[in-house]
Amino acid sequence: MLNPTICQWDLTPVCNLNCKHCRIREREFKPLDHSDLLCLADKLAISTVTSLAIAGGEPLAYPKLGDIMAHIGGINHIMILTNGTLINRDTVKLLKQYRCDVQVSLDGGTEHTHDTCRGKGSFAKSVNGIGLLRDNKIPFWTRLTIMPSNKNEVFDFVIMSKSLGANACSIRRCVPVGNASNLEQLSVDEIKLAFGEAYRAGKKVKIKIVSPDPFAMIYYDQTKKEQCERLMSKYPQTCIGGCKSGLTSFYIDPSGKVIFCPYAPIYCGDLLKDNLDVIWRESKTLQYARKIRHNLHGKCASCKYLMVCGGCPAVSFAVTGSILQSDRDCWL
């Protein structure tokens, strides 16, 4: 069993926006007291975690974020996942102090499409925040969630991200949970086309395209495909790619509970009550997650890319209620 090295922590459920595809609903969580958040921060600081993504809600909406950062500042890599609207000179100082990377979500290639999803005026505020990041040399990348409203703007989104100074673009499909459970779901062909447009634009303007959907990277990124095939030939029975939940990564929800992943609300433990090493070692869900590739049903089970991909268990859980079903959206 490997030690946990990657964590996403939803610091707060509070957000200044209410996006149509948001994976959580603020009303489902009561914000923790500051003392409880500091307790969680202290536990992370003494853990084996080397890479921490702080999300929400909107993490920059938390008024005492500086206190939290002071407690976890020893972690090697900290990334802030933000909508970008609250970035100002004070937050820039904090981000620079703790050498944070930043991911800013934008929901299309035009202001109208973005604002339709996130609220009028949000695009201008996000772009202003991005400008502050760029001017202060804080590394950032953009994130697009593919939805019916922006599926035809993926190419433009990548071009725009390059012009804004992003280091990379992260593209993922919409997982039908939270607010997104009310959205129309795209077909496999539509998802494939959207990813294709992202990689085509990335090559045109020379910006890196990444995705938490490994099958898309394997299909469109020749370098990634060759790397995966080399690893498969060397370690055919070892899980070396795809979802890392339970293997090296875990997720903390806004109530302090360890959950399978941000998109699959399967309980693993309570970090306010137990230490991380106890949860990591004793959680039945995490133990099961480590064996998931050997127990999948359907097309993923027989795919040659199983050990470097395996699909997205969260999508399968949202659609079928089981993390063991194959990923319906994969076209490999």
Protein backbone atom coordinates (compact mmCIF):
# COMPACT_ATOMS: atom_id res chain seq x y z
CA MET A 1 0.00 0.00 0.00
CA LEU A 2 1.39 3.39 -1.04
CA ASN A 3 1.22 6.49 1.15
CA PRO A 4 -1.24 9.28 0.24
CA THR A 5 0.60 12.09 -1.53
CA ILE A 6 -2.19 13.98 -3.35
CA CYS A 7 -5.18 15.65 -1.72
CA GLN A 8 -8.02 17.90 -2.78
CA TRP A 9 -9.59 19.79 0.10
CA ASP A 10 -12.85 21.66 -0.32
CA LEU A 11 -12.08 24.26 2.31
CA THR A 12 -15.53 25.85 2.32
CA PRO A 13 -18.92 25.24 0.68
CA VAL A 14 -19.44 29.01 0.41
CA CYS A 15 -19.21 30.50 -3.08
CA ASN A 16 -19.98 33.87 -4.58
CA LEU A 17 -21.37 32.18 -7.72
CA ASN A 18 -23.91 29.43 -8.39
CA CYS A 19 -22.74 27.72 -11.56
CA LYS A 20 -25.07 25.52 -13.55
CA HIS A 21 -22.62 22.60 -13.47
CA CYS A 22 -21.32 22.92 -9.89
CA ARG A 23 -20.71 19.51 -8.31
CA ILE A 24 -21.78 20.58 -4.81
CA ARG A 25 -24.76 22.44 -3.49
CA GLU A 26 -23.80 24.90 -0.76
CA ARG A 27 -26.91 24.15 1.28
CA GLU A 28 -25.77 20.55 1.73
CA PHE A 29 -22.91 21.62 4.00
CA LYS A 30 -22.60 23.75 7.10
CA PRO A 31 -19.29 25.64 7.06
CA LEU A 32 -16.84 24.37 9.68
CA ASP A 33 -15.59 26.55 12.50
CA HIS A 34 -12.18 28.08 11.94
CA SER A 35 -10.72 25.95 14.73
CA ASP A 36 -11.86 22.79 12.95
CA LEU A 37 -10.31 23.97 9.68
CA LEU A 38 -7.03 24.63 11.46
CA CYS A 39 -7.21 21.12 12.92
CA LEU A 40 -7.57 19.68 9.41
CA ALA A 41 -4.73 21.89 8.16
CA ASP A 42 -2.46 20.68 10.94
CA LYS A 43 -3.21 17.05 10.11
CA LEU A 44 -2.38 17.66 6.47
CA ALA A 45 0.82 19.47 7.40
CA ILE A 46 2.21 16.42 9.23
CA SER A 47 0.97 13.90 6.65
CA THR A 48 2.75 12.41 3.65
CA VAL A 49 0.85 14.75 1.31
CA THR A 50 3.16 16.59 -1.07
CA SER A 51 0.56 18.08 -3.44
CA LEU A 52 -2.57 19.84 -2.14
CA ALA A 53 -5.38 21.39 -4.18
CA ILE A 54 -7.53 23.80 -2.17
CA ALA A 55 -11.01 24.18 -3.61
CA GLY A 56 -14.59 24.84 -2.54
CA GLY A 57 -17.04 26.39 -2.99
CA GLU A 58 -14.72 29.25 -3.62
CA PRO A 59 -11.56 29.05 -1.48
CA LEU A 60 -10.77 32.75 -1.94
CA ALA A 61 -14.14 33.53 -0.32
CA TYR A 62 -12.84 32.22 3.00
CA PRO A 63 -11.83 35.31 5.03
CA LYS A 64 -9.05 33.61 7.03
CA LEU A 65 -7.37 31.76 4.19
CA GLY A 66 -4.05 33.22 5.27
CA ASP A 67 -4.28 31.36 8.60
CA ILE A 68 -4.92 28.11 6.77
CA MET A 69 -2.00 28.67 4.42
CA ALA A 70 0.31 29.37 7.36
CA HIS A 71 -0.51 25.94 8.80
CA ILE A 72 -0.01 24.00 5.56
CA GLY A 73 2.72 26.13 4.03
CA GLY A 74 5.28 23.35 4.31
CA ILE A 75 3.56 21.18 1.71
CA ASN A 76 5.67 21.11 -1.47
CA HIS A 77 2.99 22.03 -4.00
CA ILE A 78 -0.21 23.97 -3.32
CA MET A 79 -2.76 24.75 -6.02
CA ILE A 80 -5.80 26.99 -5.60
CA LEU A 81 -8.86 26.00 -7.65
CA THR A 82 -10.85 29.20 -8.13
CA ASN A 83 -13.40 30.93 -10.31
CA GLY A 84 -11.02 33.89 -10.42
CA THR A 85 -13.54 36.61 -9.57
CA LEU A 86 -12.13 37.34 -6.09
CA ILE A 87 -8.46 37.58 -7.04
CA ASN A 88 -7.13 40.93 -5.87
CA ARG A 89 -3.82 42.43 -4.76
CA ASP A 90 -4.12 40.96 -1.26
CA THR A 91 -4.79 37.43 -2.51
CA VAL A 92 -1.95 37.79 -5.02
CA LYS A 93 0.44 38.53 -2.14
CA LEU A 94 -0.78 35.41 -0.34
CA LEU A 95 -0.43 33.25 -3.44
CA LYS A 96 3.09 34.50 -4.06
CA GLN A 97 4.09 34.03 -0.42
CA TYR A 98 3.20 30.34 -0.50
CA ARG A 99 4.30 29.78 -4.11
CA CYS A 100 0.86 28.59 -5.18
CA ASP A 101 -0.20 27.55 -8.63
CA VAL A 102 -3.72 28.56 -9.62
CA GLN A 103 -6.42 26.97 -11.74
CA VAL A 104 -9.07 29.38 -13.02
CA SER A 105 -12.32 28.00 -14.40
CA LEU A 106 -13.73 29.58 -17.54
CA ASP A 107 -16.83 28.16 -19.18
CA GLY A 108 -16.45 28.86 -22.86
CA GLY A 109 -14.69 30.81 -25.51
CA THR A 110 -16.91 33.89 -25.16
CA GLU A 111 -18.05 36.20 -22.39
CA HIS A 112 -21.71 35.47 -23.14
CA THR A 113 -21.36 31.70 -22.76
CA HIS A 114 -19.38 32.02 -19.54
CA ASP A 115 -21.79 34.53 -17.99
CA THR A 116 -24.80 32.42 -18.98
CA CYS A 117 -23.37 29.63 -16.83
CA ARG A 118 -21.86 31.63 -13.95
CA GLY A 119 -23.71 34.94 -13.81
CA LYS A 120 -23.57 38.30 -15.53
CA GLY A 121 -20.25 40.10 -15.10
CA SER A 122 -18.38 37.04 -13.85
CA PHE A 123 -16.30 36.71 -17.01
CA ALA A 124 -14.92 40.23 -16.74
CA LYS A 125 -14.03 39.67 -13.08
CA SER A 126 -12.32 36.37 -13.84
CA VAL A 127 -10.28 37.88 -16.69
CA ASN A 128 -9.28 40.76 -14.42
CA GLY A 129 -8.12 38.23 -11.82
CA ILE A 130 -6.16 36.36 -14.47
CA GLY A 131 -4.48 39.61 -15.42
CA LEU A 132 -3.26 40.06 -11.84
CA LEU A 133 -1.89 36.51 -11.83
CA ARG A 134 -0.11 37.06 -15.13
CA ASP A 135 1.31 40.44 -14.14
CA ASN A 136 2.65 39.01 -10.88
CA LYS A 137 4.13 35.92 -12.58
CA ILE A 138 1.96 33.47 -10.65
CA PRO A 139 1.68 30.22 -12.66
CA PHE A 140 -1.88 29.49 -13.71
CA TRP A 141 -3.87 27.37 -16.07
CA THR A 142 -7.46 27.47 -17.20
CA ARG A 143 -10.13 24.80 -16.78
CA LEU A 144 -13.09 24.14 -19.07
CA THR A 145 -15.90 21.73 -18.26
CA ILE A 146 -17.49 20.52 -21.50
CA MET A 147 -21.26 21.12 -21.49
CA PRO A 148 -24.00 21.56 -24.11
CA SER A 149 -23.65 25.34 -23.81
CA ASN A 150 -19.94 25.42 -24.70
CA LYS A 151 -19.27 22.25 -26.67
CA ASN A 152 -18.78 24.28 -29.85
CA GLU A 153 -16.44 26.82 -28.23
CA VAL A 154 -13.66 24.53 -27.02
CA PHE A 155 -11.28 25.60 -29.79
CA ASP A 156 -11.93 29.27 -29.02
CA PHE A 157 -11.47 28.62 -25.30
CA VAL A 158 -7.97 27.23 -25.87
CA ILE A 159 -7.02 30.14 -28.15
CA MET A 160 -8.32 32.59 -25.55
CA SER A 161 -6.43 30.83 -22.74
CA LYS A 162 -3.20 31.20 -24.68
CA SER A 163 -3.85 34.89 -25.24
CA LEU A 164 -4.49 35.35 -21.50
CA GLY A 165 -1.09 33.84 -20.69
CA ALA A 166 -2.14 30.47 -19.28
CA ASN A 167 0.54 27.80 -18.92
CA ALA A 168 -1.91 25.06 -19.91
CA CYS A 169 -5.57 24.24 -20.46
CA SER A 170 -7.35 21.55 -18.47
CA ILE A 171 -10.37 20.05 -20.22
CA ARG A 172 -12.86 17.67 -18.67
CA ARG A 173 -16.35 16.47 -19.41
CA CYS A 174 -19.23 17.35 -17.12
CA VAL A 175 -19.95 14.75 -14.43
CA PRO A 176 -23.72 14.60 -13.79
CA VAL A 177 -23.70 15.36 -10.06
CA GLY A 178 -24.86 18.36 -8.02
CA ASN A 179 -26.26 21.13 -10.21
CA ALA A 180 -24.97 19.30 -13.28
CA SER A 181 -27.43 16.47 -12.73
CA ASN A 182 -30.02 18.84 -14.24
CA LEU A 183 -28.05 19.40 -17.45
CA GLU A 184 -28.48 17.57 -20.74
CA GLN A 185 -25.75 14.95 -21.09
CA LEU A 186 -23.56 15.00 -24.17
CA SER A 187 -23.16 11.97 -26.42
CA VAL A 188 -19.86 10.12 -26.73
CA ASP A 189 -19.39 11.58 -30.22
CA GLU A 190 -19.93 15.12 -28.95
CA ILE A 191 -17.42 14.62 -26.13
CA LYS A 192 -14.88 13.10 -28.51
CA LEU A 193 -15.26 16.02 -30.94
CA ALA A 194 -14.87 18.59 -28.16
CA PHE A 195 -11.66 16.99 -26.91
CA GLY A 196 -10.40 16.82 -30.47
CA GLU A 197 -10.97 20.54 -30.91
CA ALA A 198 -9.04 21.22 -27.70
CA TYR A 199 -6.00 19.28 -28.87
CA ARG A 200 -6.19 20.78 -32.37
CA ALA A 201 -6.20 24.29 -30.89
CA GLY A 202 -3.42 23.38 -28.48
CA LYS A 203 -1.17 22.35 -31.34
CA LYS A 204 -2.02 25.50 -33.28
CA VAL A 205 -1.05 27.97 -30.55
CA LYS A 206 1.42 25.72 -28.71
CA ILE A 207 -0.25 25.40 -25.33
CA LYS A 208 -0.37 22.19 -23.30
CA ILE A 209 -3.71 20.38 -23.08
CA VAL A 210 -4.28 18.16 -20.05
CA SER A 211 -7.30 16.27 -18.79
CA PRO A 212 -8.36 14.20 -15.79
CA ASP A 213 -10.04 11.98 -18.42
CA PRO A 214 -7.08 9.75 -19.35
CA PHE A 215 -8.69 8.11 -22.38
CA ALA A 216 -8.86 11.51 -24.08
CA MET A 217 -5.15 12.12 -23.52
CA ILE A 218 -4.27 8.62 -24.71
CA TYR A 219 -6.32 9.11 -27.87
CA TYR A 220 -5.23 12.63 -28.84
CA ASP A 221 -1.76 13.01 -27.30
CA GLN A 222 0.68 10.80 -29.20
CA THR A 223 3.46 11.33 -26.66
CA LYS A 224 1.13 10.31 -23.84
CA LYS A 225 -0.06 7.28 -25.78
CA GLU A 226 3.50 6.09 -26.42
CA GLN A 227 4.38 6.62 -22.76
CA CYS A 228 1.37 4.58 -21.65
CA GLU A 229 2.18 1.75 -24.03
CA ARG A 230 5.78 1.60 -22.76
CA LEU A 231 4.54 1.40 -19.19
CA MET A 232 1.97 -1.27 -20.06
CA SER A 233 4.62 -3.46 -21.64
CA LYS A 234 6.84 -3.11 -18.59
CA TYR A 235 4.19 -3.33 -15.84
CA PRO A 236 1.18 -5.13 -17.38
CA GLN A 237 -0.58 -5.93 -14.09
CA THR A 238 0.22 -2.73 -12.17
CA CYS A 239 -2.10 0.26 -11.92
CA ILE A 240 0.09 3.10 -13.19
CA GLY A 241 -2.37 5.66 -14.52
CA GLY A 242 -5.91 6.91 -14.41
CA CYS A 243 -7.89 7.49 -11.20
CA LYS A 244 -5.63 7.66 -8.15
CA SER A 245 -8.36 7.64 -5.48
CA GLY A 246 -7.31 5.26 -2.73
CA LEU A 247 -3.94 4.62 -4.40
CA THR A 248 -2.10 7.87 -3.75
CA SER A 249 -4.88 10.48 -3.54
CA PHE A 250 -7.88 11.34 -1.39
CA TYR A 251 -10.49 14.08 -1.06
CA ILE A 252 -11.76 16.04 1.96
CA ASP A 253 -15.27 17.49 1.67
CA PRO A 254 -16.40 20.77 3.32
CA SER A 255 -17.48 18.92 6.47
CA GLY A 256 -14.05 17.39 7.05
CA LYS A 257 -14.98 13.92 5.84
CA VAL A 258 -12.73 11.87 3.59
CA ILE A 259 -14.77 10.91 0.51
CA PHE A 260 -13.93 8.66 -2.45
CA CYS A 261 -13.59 11.66 -4.75
CA PRO A 262 -15.13 15.11 -5.32
CA TYR A 263 -17.68 13.63 -7.73
CA ALA A 264 -18.50 10.36 -5.94
CA PRO A 265 -19.85 10.95 -2.42
CA ILE A 266 -18.84 7.60 -0.93
CA TYR A 267 -17.81 7.90 2.73
CA CYS A 268 -14.32 6.80 3.76
CA GLY A 269 -13.75 8.43 7.15
CA ASP A 270 -13.91 11.59 9.26
CA LEU A 271 -10.63 13.49 9.48
CA LEU A 272 -11.87 15.54 12.43
CA LYS A 273 -12.25 12.33 14.45
CA ASP A 274 -9.41 10.14 13.17
CA ASN A 275 -5.89 10.61 11.89
CA LEU A 276 -5.28 10.30 8.18
CA ASP A 277 -3.08 7.24 8.49
CA VAL A 278 -5.88 5.38 10.30
CA ILE A 279 -8.45 6.27 7.64
CA TRP A 280 -6.04 5.48 4.82
CA ARG A 281 -5.24 2.09 6.30
CA GLU A 282 -8.63 0.99 7.63
CA SER A 283 -11.28 2.47 5.31
CA LYS A 284 -13.08 -0.38 3.53
CA THR A 285 -13.92 1.95 0.65
CA LEU A 286 -10.30 2.92 0.09
CA GLN A 287 -9.23 -0.71 0.37
CA TYR A 288 -11.79 -1.57 -2.29
CA ALA A 289 -10.67 1.32 -4.49
CA ARG A 290 -7.17 -0.15 -4.62
CA LYS A 291 -8.57 -3.28 -6.26
CA ILE A 292 -11.06 -1.58 -8.58
CA ARG A 293 -9.18 -2.24 -11.84
CA HIS A 294 -9.35 -6.00 -11.21
CA ASN A 295 -13.10 -5.94 -10.58
CA LEU A 296 -14.51 -3.72 -13.33
CA HIS A 297 -17.39 -4.90 -15.50
CA GLY A 298 -17.95 -4.29 -19.19
CA LYS A 299 -15.74 -2.80 -21.88
CA CYS A 300 -13.18 -1.22 -19.51
CA ALA A 301 -12.34 -4.63 -18.03
CA SER A 302 -11.10 -5.92 -21.39
CA CYS A 303 -9.44 -2.71 -22.62
CA LYS A 304 -5.70 -2.86 -23.16
CA TYR A 305 -5.41 0.55 -21.49
CA LEU A 306 -7.08 -0.64 -18.27
CA MET A 307 -4.04 -0.14 -16.03
CA VAL A 308 -3.21 3.32 -17.38
CA CYS A 309 -6.81 4.54 -17.57
CA GLY A 310 -9.71 2.52 -16.20
CA GLY A 311 -12.20 5.25 -16.99
CA CYS A 312 -13.77 7.52 -14.37
CA PRO A 313 -15.39 5.68 -11.44
CA ALA A 314 -17.28 8.85 -10.50
CA VAL A 315 -19.05 9.00 -13.86
CA SER A 316 -19.98 5.34 -13.54
CA PHE A 317 -21.24 5.93 -9.99
CA ALA A 318 -23.32 8.94 -11.03
CA VAL A 319 -24.88 7.07 -13.95
CA THR A 320 -25.25 3.52 -12.57
CA GLY A 321 -24.74 3.79 -8.81
CA SER A 322 -21.63 1.59 -9.00
CA ILE A 323 -17.93 2.45 -9.34
CA LEU A 324 -17.38 -0.95 -10.95
CA GLN A 325 -19.25 -0.26 -14.17
CA SER A 326 -17.40 0.81 -17.32
CA ASP A 327 -17.08 4.44 -18.28
CA ARG A 328 -19.93 5.09 -20.71
CA ASP A 329 -18.20 8.07 -22.38
CA CYS A 330 -14.96 6.38 -23.46
CA TRP A 331 -14.59 5.77 -27.19
CA LEU A 332 -11.29 3.84 -27.12
